[in-house]
């Protein structure tokens, strides 16, 4: 009898502690634990605003005190993004809007049974530092948002370290090498990063170089004990893979969604684009910079001869560049005079094409395919870009000329006699690029994408 009474008492205590019903949770997206929802590549607020503007999901005004759920028109939603309208006295006013990542706090309306999330109903987006930080600017149905996130294959990614998703996949969550240098060495004047690989092919050191390509510092790249994960963002929300800083019981008559949405399973493989620069003035890259046989010279000559016709503005090859834009980009305006150099009236301007030797930086973007275990399945060069080096510009900054498909460059130059060299060793530019037989500086990565080869 005593044992039965003790068991009954324990069950009463358990049921009292179990959370059942509807709750509202507060989530700070700027907290480190919630970074996978707030990265540069996959930002929950930016994806949500994008979906609303595209008409894929509805925006709501939810008022629990009045038990009202009101659909916002596109105009009403746009007005919720306005910070202020300023008149600077130039005859027109400027409307200043909140950007996606200004919405750094969310509230999640959900149901629980025995402490487990059984349904998410609405997500409310707030600006923590606004004049009314406690008031949501807009809300969305999780059912609609989840469908959109799954359609976009929006990912929730937790790195094993600040540099890598597991050991062999460099991933910076949208940050550039320059960001990393500044954050790691705020008081130093370093310019470049090289990811040093050991004899077994694994990343061992982070090397930092000065502008003149002198090694300044190196740090070991230690493996982290943090578990690296990739999930669909919709799944991560449903699983409660976030840190909530507050939770309150919610009593409301606003309708619930019927059940949790079942996300599609992730494809097995992923892809990331890793971007790097080959500085031709670096001592280890002299084979690409021999007089009259510079790699940029061969590419520019192929453009002039019509052998390479597709030029792009970006390394992903999504924004085509016209021939006129290329001619303007690959030249600079100079002033000249045929007679009196002392008279300003006799000066004229003329655009002069850069020589191939002026392009001292070759950017290469690599596609890297890998699986959930972190195993690299394949990698291949995707694009090549030409830059005028900072030592040859008035601003001291490198100037991009254009990008080209690596396949186009490969097919034009692979059998060209000029692509072969004999000093100090014999070889071929294209083969060396394919084998990654060069010294490069790491610049950035794309976001991780669901994509099989």
Protein backbone atom coordinates (compact mmCIF):
# COMPACT_ATOMS: atom_id res chain seq x y z
CA UNK A 1 0.00 0.00 0.00
CA UNK A 2 2.86 2.33 0.89
CA UNK A 3 4.61 1.59 -2.46
CA UNK A 4 1.37 2.29 -4.39
CA UNK A 5 0.88 5.61 -2.58
CA UNK A 6 4.48 6.63 -3.39
CA UNK A 7 4.00 5.77 -7.09
CA UNK A 8 0.74 7.71 -7.26
CA UNK A 9 2.41 10.71 -5.62
CA UNK A 10 5.28 10.54 -8.13
CA UNK A 11 2.86 10.49 -11.07
CA UNK A 12 1.06 13.53 -9.68
CA UNK A 13 4.38 15.39 -9.38
CA UNK A 14 5.38 14.37 -12.94
CA UNK A 15 2.08 15.52 -14.43
CA UNK A 16 2.32 18.80 -12.56
CA UNK A 17 5.80 19.46 -14.00
CA UNK A 18 4.93 18.29 -17.52
CA UNK A 19 4.24 21.18 -19.87
CA UNK A 20 1.08 20.77 -21.85
CA UNK A 21 -0.87 23.32 -23.83
CA UNK A 22 0.00 26.41 -25.81
CA UNK A 23 3.04 28.61 -25.11
CA UNK A 24 4.89 31.61 -26.45
CA UNK A 25 8.69 31.42 -26.52
CA UNK A 26 11.13 34.33 -26.88
CA UNK A 27 14.23 33.65 -28.99
CA UNK A 28 17.21 36.01 -29.41
CA UNK A 29 18.63 35.25 -32.86
CA UNK A 30 21.90 37.02 -32.03
CA UNK A 31 22.72 34.47 -29.33
CA UNK A 32 25.59 32.17 -30.34
CA UNK A 33 23.42 29.08 -29.91
CA UNK A 34 20.94 30.49 -32.46
CA UNK A 35 23.52 31.53 -35.08
CA UNK A 36 22.40 28.85 -37.60
CA UNK A 37 19.07 30.73 -37.94
CA UNK A 38 20.83 34.07 -38.43
CA UNK A 39 23.78 33.45 -40.77
CA UNK A 40 24.68 35.51 -43.81
CA UNK A 41 23.84 32.57 -46.06
CA UNK A 42 20.58 31.45 -44.43
CA UNK A 43 18.83 34.12 -42.38
CA UNK A 44 15.34 33.25 -41.12
CA UNK A 45 14.14 36.91 -41.09
CA UNK A 46 15.51 37.60 -44.59
CA UNK A 47 13.99 34.42 -46.02
CA UNK A 48 10.64 35.27 -44.42
CA UNK A 49 10.56 38.83 -45.79
CA UNK A 50 11.59 37.49 -49.21
CA UNK A 51 8.67 35.03 -49.14
CA UNK A 52 6.15 37.71 -48.13
CA UNK A 53 7.29 40.10 -50.84
CA UNK A 54 7.11 37.31 -53.43
CA UNK A 55 3.51 36.59 -52.42
CA UNK A 56 4.39 33.04 -51.31
CA UNK A 57 3.18 33.49 -47.73
CA UNK A 58 0.92 35.92 -45.85
CA UNK A 59 1.94 38.50 -43.27
CA UNK A 60 -0.35 38.92 -40.26
CA UNK A 61 -0.98 41.23 -37.35
CA UNK A 62 -1.63 39.00 -34.32
CA UNK A 63 -3.18 40.51 -31.19
CA UNK A 64 -3.57 37.95 -28.41
CA UNK A 65 -5.24 40.47 -26.09
CA UNK A 66 -8.10 40.84 -28.58
CA UNK A 67 -7.89 37.31 -30.04
CA UNK A 68 -7.57 38.78 -33.55
CA UNK A 69 -5.60 37.57 -36.56
CA UNK A 70 -5.54 40.17 -39.35
CA UNK A 71 -3.99 39.66 -42.77
CA UNK A 72 -1.74 42.55 -43.80
CA UNK A 73 -1.99 43.91 -47.33
CA UNK A 74 1.32 44.36 -49.21
CA UNK A 75 1.11 48.10 -48.48
CA UNK A 76 0.46 47.51 -44.78
CA UNK A 77 3.34 45.05 -44.58
CA UNK A 78 5.69 47.52 -46.29
CA UNK A 79 4.69 50.19 -43.77
CA UNK A 80 5.73 47.83 -40.93
CA UNK A 81 9.30 47.90 -42.30
CA UNK A 82 9.63 51.70 -42.21
CA UNK A 83 11.96 53.15 -39.58
CA UNK A 84 11.47 56.78 -40.57
CA UNK A 85 10.91 59.13 -43.48
CA UNK A 86 13.60 61.80 -43.63
CA UNK A 87 13.60 65.07 -45.56
CA UNK A 88 17.18 66.28 -46.00
CA UNK A 89 16.14 69.44 -47.83
CA UNK A 90 16.93 68.33 -51.38
CA UNK A 91 13.35 68.43 -52.64
CA UNK A 92 12.56 64.78 -51.89
CA UNK A 93 12.24 62.58 -48.82
CA UNK A 94 14.05 59.32 -48.11
CA UNK A 95 12.31 56.32 -46.60
CA UNK A 96 14.59 54.37 -44.26
CA UNK A 97 13.63 50.69 -43.91
CA UNK A 98 14.50 47.89 -41.56
CA UNK A 99 16.72 45.27 -43.22
CA UNK A 100 16.07 41.56 -42.75
CA UNK A 101 18.66 41.07 -40.02
CA UNK A 102 17.34 44.02 -38.02
CA UNK A 103 14.64 41.55 -36.97
CA UNK A 104 16.89 39.95 -34.38
CA UNK A 105 14.23 38.61 -32.01
CA UNK A 106 11.36 36.21 -32.70
CA UNK A 107 8.48 34.85 -30.66
CA UNK A 108 7.25 31.33 -31.38
CA UNK A 109 3.63 30.37 -30.73
CA UNK A 110 3.61 26.60 -30.20
CA UNK A 111 1.84 23.69 -28.53
CA UNK A 112 3.45 21.10 -26.26
CA UNK A 113 2.55 17.75 -24.80
CA UNK A 114 4.74 16.28 -22.06
CA UNK A 115 7.36 18.97 -22.81
CA UNK A 116 7.56 17.94 -26.49
CA UNK A 117 6.64 20.37 -29.29
CA UNK A 118 3.57 19.03 -31.06
CA UNK A 119 2.86 22.01 -33.34
CA UNK A 120 4.17 25.46 -34.20
CA UNK A 121 1.44 27.95 -35.08
CA UNK A 122 2.91 31.40 -35.68
CA UNK A 123 6.27 33.15 -35.64
CA UNK A 124 6.37 36.83 -34.69
CA UNK A 125 9.27 39.03 -35.83
CA UNK A 126 10.53 41.87 -33.65
CA UNK A 127 13.29 44.48 -33.66
CA UNK A 128 14.96 44.42 -30.25
CA UNK A 129 16.42 47.93 -30.49
CA UNK A 130 13.35 49.68 -31.93
CA UNK A 131 11.25 52.31 -30.17
CA UNK A 132 8.70 49.56 -29.40
CA UNK A 133 10.91 46.47 -28.80
CA UNK A 134 8.12 44.40 -27.26
CA UNK A 135 5.78 44.76 -30.23
CA UNK A 136 6.07 42.39 -33.22
CA UNK A 137 6.29 44.18 -36.55
CA UNK A 138 4.66 41.27 -38.38
CA UNK A 139 3.81 37.59 -37.98
CA UNK A 140 3.59 34.54 -40.27
CA UNK A 141 1.97 31.13 -40.22
CA UNK A 142 4.56 28.44 -39.59
CA UNK A 143 2.77 26.06 -41.96
CA UNK A 144 3.21 28.51 -44.85
CA UNK A 145 6.74 29.48 -43.85
CA UNK A 146 7.81 25.85 -43.45
CA UNK A 147 6.62 25.03 -46.98
CA UNK A 148 8.64 27.95 -48.34
CA UNK A 149 11.79 27.04 -46.38
CA UNK A 150 11.59 23.45 -47.65
CA UNK A 151 11.02 24.64 -51.23
CA UNK A 152 14.11 26.89 -50.97
CA UNK A 153 16.11 24.08 -49.28
CA UNK A 154 17.06 26.57 -46.58
CA UNK A 155 19.60 24.94 -44.30
CA UNK A 156 20.43 25.10 -40.60
CA UNK A 157 24.19 24.63 -40.34
CA UNK A 158 26.31 24.25 -37.23
CA UNK A 159 30.06 24.28 -37.93
CA UNK A 160 32.57 22.16 -36.01
CA UNK A 161 34.71 25.32 -35.76
CA UNK A 162 34.65 28.89 -36.99
CA UNK A 163 36.51 27.77 -40.12
CA UNK A 164 35.19 24.34 -41.00
CA UNK A 165 32.13 22.19 -41.34
CA UNK A 166 33.91 19.06 -40.19
CA UNK A 167 37.58 18.73 -41.06
CA UNK A 168 37.87 19.04 -44.84
CA UNK A 169 35.11 21.48 -45.79
CA UNK A 170 36.07 25.15 -45.34
CA UNK A 171 32.91 27.11 -44.50
CA UNK A 172 32.81 30.66 -43.14
CA UNK A 173 29.04 31.31 -42.99
CA UNK A 174 29.37 34.14 -45.50
CA UNK A 175 32.34 35.88 -43.88
CA UNK A 176 35.32 36.94 -45.99
CA UNK A 177 38.97 36.31 -45.17
CA UNK A 178 39.37 40.03 -44.49
CA UNK A 179 36.67 39.77 -41.78
CA UNK A 180 38.49 36.87 -40.18
CA UNK A 181 41.84 38.69 -40.24
CA UNK A 182 40.34 41.77 -38.61
CA UNK A 183 38.49 39.78 -35.94
CA UNK A 184 41.52 37.57 -35.17
CA UNK A 185 44.24 40.23 -35.41
CA UNK A 186 42.46 43.60 -34.86
CA UNK A 187 45.71 45.51 -34.23
CA UNK A 188 47.78 43.99 -37.05
CA UNK A 189 48.12 44.99 -40.69
CA UNK A 190 47.88 41.65 -42.48
CA UNK A 191 46.48 41.17 -45.97
CA UNK A 192 46.09 37.50 -46.90
CA UNK A 193 45.20 34.07 -45.52
CA UNK A 194 46.58 30.72 -46.67
CA UNK A 195 45.08 27.43 -45.46
CA UNK A 196 48.08 25.14 -45.15
CA UNK A 197 47.58 21.43 -45.78
CA UNK A 198 49.77 18.70 -44.36
CA UNK A 199 51.21 15.70 -46.16
CA UNK A 200 47.99 13.72 -45.58
CA UNK A 201 45.90 16.44 -47.27
CA UNK A 202 44.23 17.67 -44.08
CA UNK A 203 44.18 21.33 -43.06
CA UNK A 204 46.88 21.96 -40.43
CA UNK A 205 47.66 25.67 -40.16
CA UNK A 206 46.15 29.10 -40.68
CA UNK A 207 48.91 31.22 -42.21
CA UNK A 208 48.64 35.01 -42.40
CA UNK A 209 50.67 37.02 -44.94
CA UNK A 210 51.51 40.70 -45.34
CA UNK A 211 51.00 42.71 -48.53
CA UNK A 212 54.49 41.80 -49.82
CA UNK A 213 53.67 38.06 -49.45
CA UNK A 214 55.82 37.62 -46.34
CA UNK A 215 54.57 35.05 -43.83
CA UNK A 216 53.63 37.03 -40.70
CA UNK A 217 51.98 34.49 -38.39
CA UNK A 218 50.64 30.97 -38.37
CA UNK A 219 48.21 29.29 -36.02
CA UNK A 220 47.34 25.60 -35.72
CA UNK A 221 43.92 24.58 -37.05
CA UNK A 222 42.82 22.26 -34.29
CA UNK A 223 39.80 20.02 -34.71
CA UNK A 224 36.87 21.00 -32.52
CA UNK A 225 34.74 18.81 -30.31
CA UNK A 226 31.59 20.66 -31.37
CA UNK A 227 29.29 18.41 -33.36
CA UNK A 228 28.88 19.55 -36.96
CA UNK A 229 25.30 19.27 -38.25
CA UNK A 230 23.26 20.17 -41.31
CA UNK A 231 19.45 20.13 -41.22
CA UNK A 232 16.59 21.72 -43.06
CA UNK A 233 15.81 24.94 -41.22
CA UNK A 234 12.14 23.95 -41.00
CA UNK A 235 13.14 20.73 -39.21
CA UNK A 236 15.42 22.61 -36.81
CA UNK A 237 12.53 24.90 -35.82
CA UNK A 238 10.19 21.97 -35.27
CA UNK A 239 12.81 20.09 -33.26
CA UNK A 240 13.38 23.09 -31.02
CA UNK A 241 17.06 23.39 -32.01
CA UNK A 242 17.32 26.89 -30.55
CA UNK A 243 17.86 28.55 -27.17
CA UNK A 244 14.75 30.33 -25.85
CA UNK A 245 15.36 32.96 -23.17
CA UNK A 246 11.76 32.97 -21.99
CA UNK A 247 8.53 31.00 -22.19
CA UNK A 248 5.00 31.88 -21.07
CA UNK A 249 1.69 30.04 -21.03
CA UNK A 250 -0.56 31.37 -23.78
CA UNK A 251 -4.31 31.60 -23.47
CA UNK A 252 -5.93 32.61 -26.73
CA UNK A 253 -8.78 31.76 -29.07
CA UNK A 254 -6.68 32.40 -32.19
CA UNK A 255 -6.80 29.24 -34.27
CA UNK A 256 -4.07 26.62 -34.13
CA UNK A 257 -2.49 24.76 -37.02
CA UNK A 258 -3.62 21.14 -37.08
CA UNK A 259 -0.26 19.38 -36.82
CA UNK A 260 3.47 19.62 -37.43
CA UNK A 261 4.55 19.84 -41.04
CA UNK A 262 6.67 16.87 -42.14
CA UNK A 263 9.75 18.22 -43.95
CA UNK A 264 11.25 16.33 -46.85
CA UNK A 265 14.38 14.34 -46.08
CA UNK A 266 17.68 15.97 -47.01
CA UNK A 267 19.47 14.79 -50.10
CA UNK A 268 22.60 12.86 -49.24
CA UNK A 269 25.16 15.23 -50.74
CA UNK A 270 26.01 18.93 -50.54
CA UNK A 271 28.07 21.45 -52.46
CA UNK A 272 30.04 24.55 -51.52
CA UNK A 273 32.06 26.96 -53.65
CA UNK A 274 35.48 27.84 -52.27
CA UNK A 275 37.11 30.99 -53.62
CA UNK A 276 40.84 31.65 -53.72
CA UNK A 277 43.33 33.98 -55.40
CA UNK A 278 46.59 33.15 -57.17
CA UNK A 279 48.91 36.14 -56.85
CA UNK A 280 51.25 35.91 -59.83
CA UNK A 281 53.91 38.03 -58.12
CA UNK A 282 54.28 35.40 -55.39
CA UNK A 283 57.60 33.52 -55.88
CA UNK A 284 55.83 30.14 -56.09
CA UNK A 285 53.62 31.28 -59.01
CA UNK A 286 56.25 32.61 -61.42
CA UNK A 287 55.47 29.90 -64.00
CA UNK A 288 52.10 31.62 -64.62
CA UNK A 289 53.82 35.00 -65.15
CA UNK A 290 56.55 34.49 -67.72
CA UNK A 291 57.08 37.41 -70.11
CA UNK A 292 54.55 37.39 -73.00
CA UNK A 293 53.17 34.04 -71.78
CA UNK A 294 51.34 35.23 -68.69
CA UNK A 295 48.15 33.29 -68.02
CA UNK A 296 46.06 36.54 -68.07
CA UNK A 297 47.66 37.49 -71.41
CA UNK A 298 46.56 34.17 -72.95
CA UNK A 299 42.99 34.64 -71.67
CA UNK A 300 42.76 38.26 -72.89
CA UNK A 301 44.12 37.27 -76.33
CA UNK A 302 41.50 34.47 -76.51
CA UNK A 303 38.79 37.08 -75.88
CA UNK A 304 40.19 39.40 -78.57
CA UNK A 305 40.30 36.48 -81.05
CA UNK A 306 36.69 35.49 -80.28
CA UNK A 307 37.66 32.13 -78.79
CA UNK A 308 36.18 33.08 -75.40
CA UNK A 309 32.86 34.87 -75.87
CA UNK A 310 31.12 34.51 -72.49
CA UNK A 311 32.27 36.96 -69.82
CA UNK A 312 30.63 37.39 -66.41
CA UNK A 313 30.53 39.94 -63.60
CA UNK A 314 30.58 37.37 -60.81
CA UNK A 315 32.42 34.18 -59.91
CA UNK A 316 29.18 32.18 -59.83
CA UNK A 317 28.70 33.01 -63.54
CA UNK A 318 25.14 34.27 -63.04
CA UNK A 319 25.53 37.86 -64.35
CA UNK A 320 26.70 38.07 -68.00
CA UNK A 321 28.91 40.98 -69.08
CA UNK A 322 28.53 42.53 -72.53
CA UNK A 323 31.54 43.00 -74.81
CA UNK A 324 31.19 46.77 -74.36
CA UNK A 325 31.25 46.38 -70.58
CA UNK A 326 34.34 44.19 -70.85
CA UNK A 327 36.17 46.74 -73.04
CA UNK A 328 35.37 49.48 -70.52
CA UNK A 329 36.29 47.32 -67.54
CA UNK A 330 39.55 46.10 -69.06
CA UNK A 331 40.79 49.62 -69.81
CA UNK A 332 41.49 52.88 -68.04
CA UNK A 333 41.17 56.51 -69.02
CA UNK A 334 44.44 58.37 -69.55
CA UNK A 335 45.18 61.99 -70.46
CA UNK A 336 47.58 62.68 -73.33
CA UNK A 337 48.78 65.55 -75.47
CA UNK A 338 50.41 65.37 -78.90
CA UNK A 339 51.88 68.89 -78.77
CA UNK A 340 52.22 71.23 -75.80
CA UNK A 341 52.38 69.30 -72.49
CA UNK A 342 52.19 72.57 -70.56
CA UNK A 343 48.83 73.70 -71.92
CA UNK A 344 45.74 72.11 -70.35
CA UNK A 345 43.72 72.88 -73.48
CA UNK A 346 45.80 70.46 -75.54
CA UNK A 347 45.10 67.43 -73.32
CA UNK A 348 42.63 64.79 -74.44
CA UNK A 349 41.37 61.66 -72.74
CA UNK A 350 41.62 58.19 -74.20
CA UNK A 351 40.86 54.72 -72.90
CA UNK A 352 43.84 52.37 -73.00
CA UNK A 353 43.46 48.60 -72.62
CA UNK A 354 45.31 46.93 -69.80
CA UNK A 355 48.02 44.51 -70.86
CA UNK A 356 47.79 40.93 -69.65
CA UNK A 357 50.85 41.55 -67.51
CA UNK A 358 48.90 44.18 -65.54
CA UNK A 359 46.51 41.47 -64.29
CA UNK A 360 48.60 40.08 -61.46
CA UNK A 361 45.80 38.22 -59.66
CA UNK A 362 43.92 35.18 -60.98
CA UNK A 363 40.87 34.19 -58.91
CA UNK A 364 39.75 30.55 -59.04
CA UNK A 365 36.45 29.24 -57.65
CA UNK A 366 36.17 25.53 -56.85
CA UNK A 367 33.04 23.44 -56.47
CA UNK A 368 33.44 20.93 -53.66
CA UNK A 369 30.92 18.09 -53.21
CA UNK A 370 30.67 16.25 -49.87
CA UNK A 371 28.33 14.12 -47.78
CA UNK A 372 26.91 14.28 -44.25
CA UNK A 373 29.96 12.44 -42.93
CA UNK A 374 32.22 15.27 -44.16
CA UNK A 375 33.83 13.15 -46.86
CA UNK A 376 34.80 15.15 -49.97
CA UNK A 377 33.39 13.23 -52.95
CA UNK A 378 34.64 15.44 -55.77
CA UNK A 379 35.98 18.90 -56.50
CA UNK A 380 36.39 20.80 -59.73
CA UNK A 381 37.24 24.36 -60.83
CA UNK A 382 34.16 26.39 -61.70
CA UNK A 383 35.36 29.84 -62.78
CA UNK A 384 38.45 31.99 -63.35
CA UNK A 385 38.61 35.75 -62.74
CA UNK A 386 41.23 38.35 -63.68
CA UNK A 387 42.16 41.27 -61.41
CA UNK A 388 44.49 44.22 -61.72
CA UNK A 389 46.68 43.94 -58.63
CA UNK A 390 46.59 46.57 -55.86
CA UNK A 391 50.19 47.55 -56.62
CA UNK A 392 49.02 48.91 -60.02
CA UNK A 393 45.91 50.90 -59.04
CA UNK A 394 45.67 54.45 -57.69
CA UNK A 395 43.41 53.31 -54.84
CA UNK A 396 45.68 50.50 -53.68
CA UNK A 397 42.78 48.08 -54.15
CA UNK A 398 42.57 45.28 -56.67
CA UNK A 399 40.28 45.89 -59.66
CA UNK A 400 38.17 43.03 -61.09
CA UNK A 401 38.11 42.77 -64.88
CA UNK A 402 35.76 39.81 -65.42
CA UNK A 403 35.10 36.13 -64.82
CA UNK A 404 35.05 33.18 -67.20
CA UNK A 405 33.86 29.60 -67.11
CA UNK A 406 36.80 27.34 -66.32
CA UNK A 407 35.53 24.92 -68.97
CA UNK A 408 35.75 27.66 -71.63
CA UNK A 409 39.32 28.53 -70.62
CA UNK A 410 40.24 24.84 -70.44
CA UNK A 411 39.02 24.02 -73.97
CA UNK A 412 40.70 27.09 -75.48
CA UNK A 413 44.09 26.73 -73.78
CA UNK A 414 44.58 23.02 -73.05
CA UNK A 415 46.36 22.37 -76.39
CA UNK A 416 47.71 25.85 -77.00
CA UNK A 417 51.54 25.87 -77.42
CA UNK A 418 51.66 29.03 -75.30
CA UNK A 419 50.12 27.19 -72.34
CA UNK A 420 53.27 25.06 -72.02
CA UNK A 421 56.36 26.22 -70.18
CA UNK A 422 59.89 24.87 -69.75
CA UNK A 423 61.45 27.04 -67.07
CA UNK A 424 62.48 26.05 -64.48
CA UNK A 425 60.49 22.84 -65.07
CA UNK A 426 58.27 21.77 -67.95
CA UNK A 427 54.52 21.79 -67.57
CA UNK A 428 51.16 23.16 -68.70
CA UNK A 429 49.17 26.00 -67.13
CA UNK A 430 45.82 24.21 -67.40
CA UNK A 431 47.12 20.94 -65.94
CA UNK A 432 48.64 22.86 -63.03
CA UNK A 433 45.34 24.61 -62.35
CA UNK A 434 43.45 21.31 -62.45
CA UNK A 435 45.95 19.73 -60.03
CA UNK A 436 45.90 22.85 -57.81
CA UNK A 437 49.65 23.09 -58.31
CA UNK A 438 49.98 26.71 -57.23
CA UNK A 439 50.15 28.85 -54.09
CA UNK A 440 46.87 30.62 -53.29
CA UNK A 441 45.21 32.80 -50.70
CA UNK A 442 41.81 31.87 -49.34
CA UNK A 443 39.15 34.59 -49.80
CA UNK A 444 35.66 33.22 -49.07
CA UNK A 445 33.14 30.42 -49.49
CA UNK A 446 29.58 30.34 -50.67
CA UNK A 447 26.89 28.93 -48.44
CA UNK A 448 26.46 25.17 -48.27
CA UNK A 449 23.84 23.99 -50.77
CA UNK A 450 21.91 20.76 -51.20
CA UNK A 451 23.21 19.50 -54.53
CA UNK A 452 24.45 16.17 -55.74
CA UNK A 453 27.12 16.16 -58.42
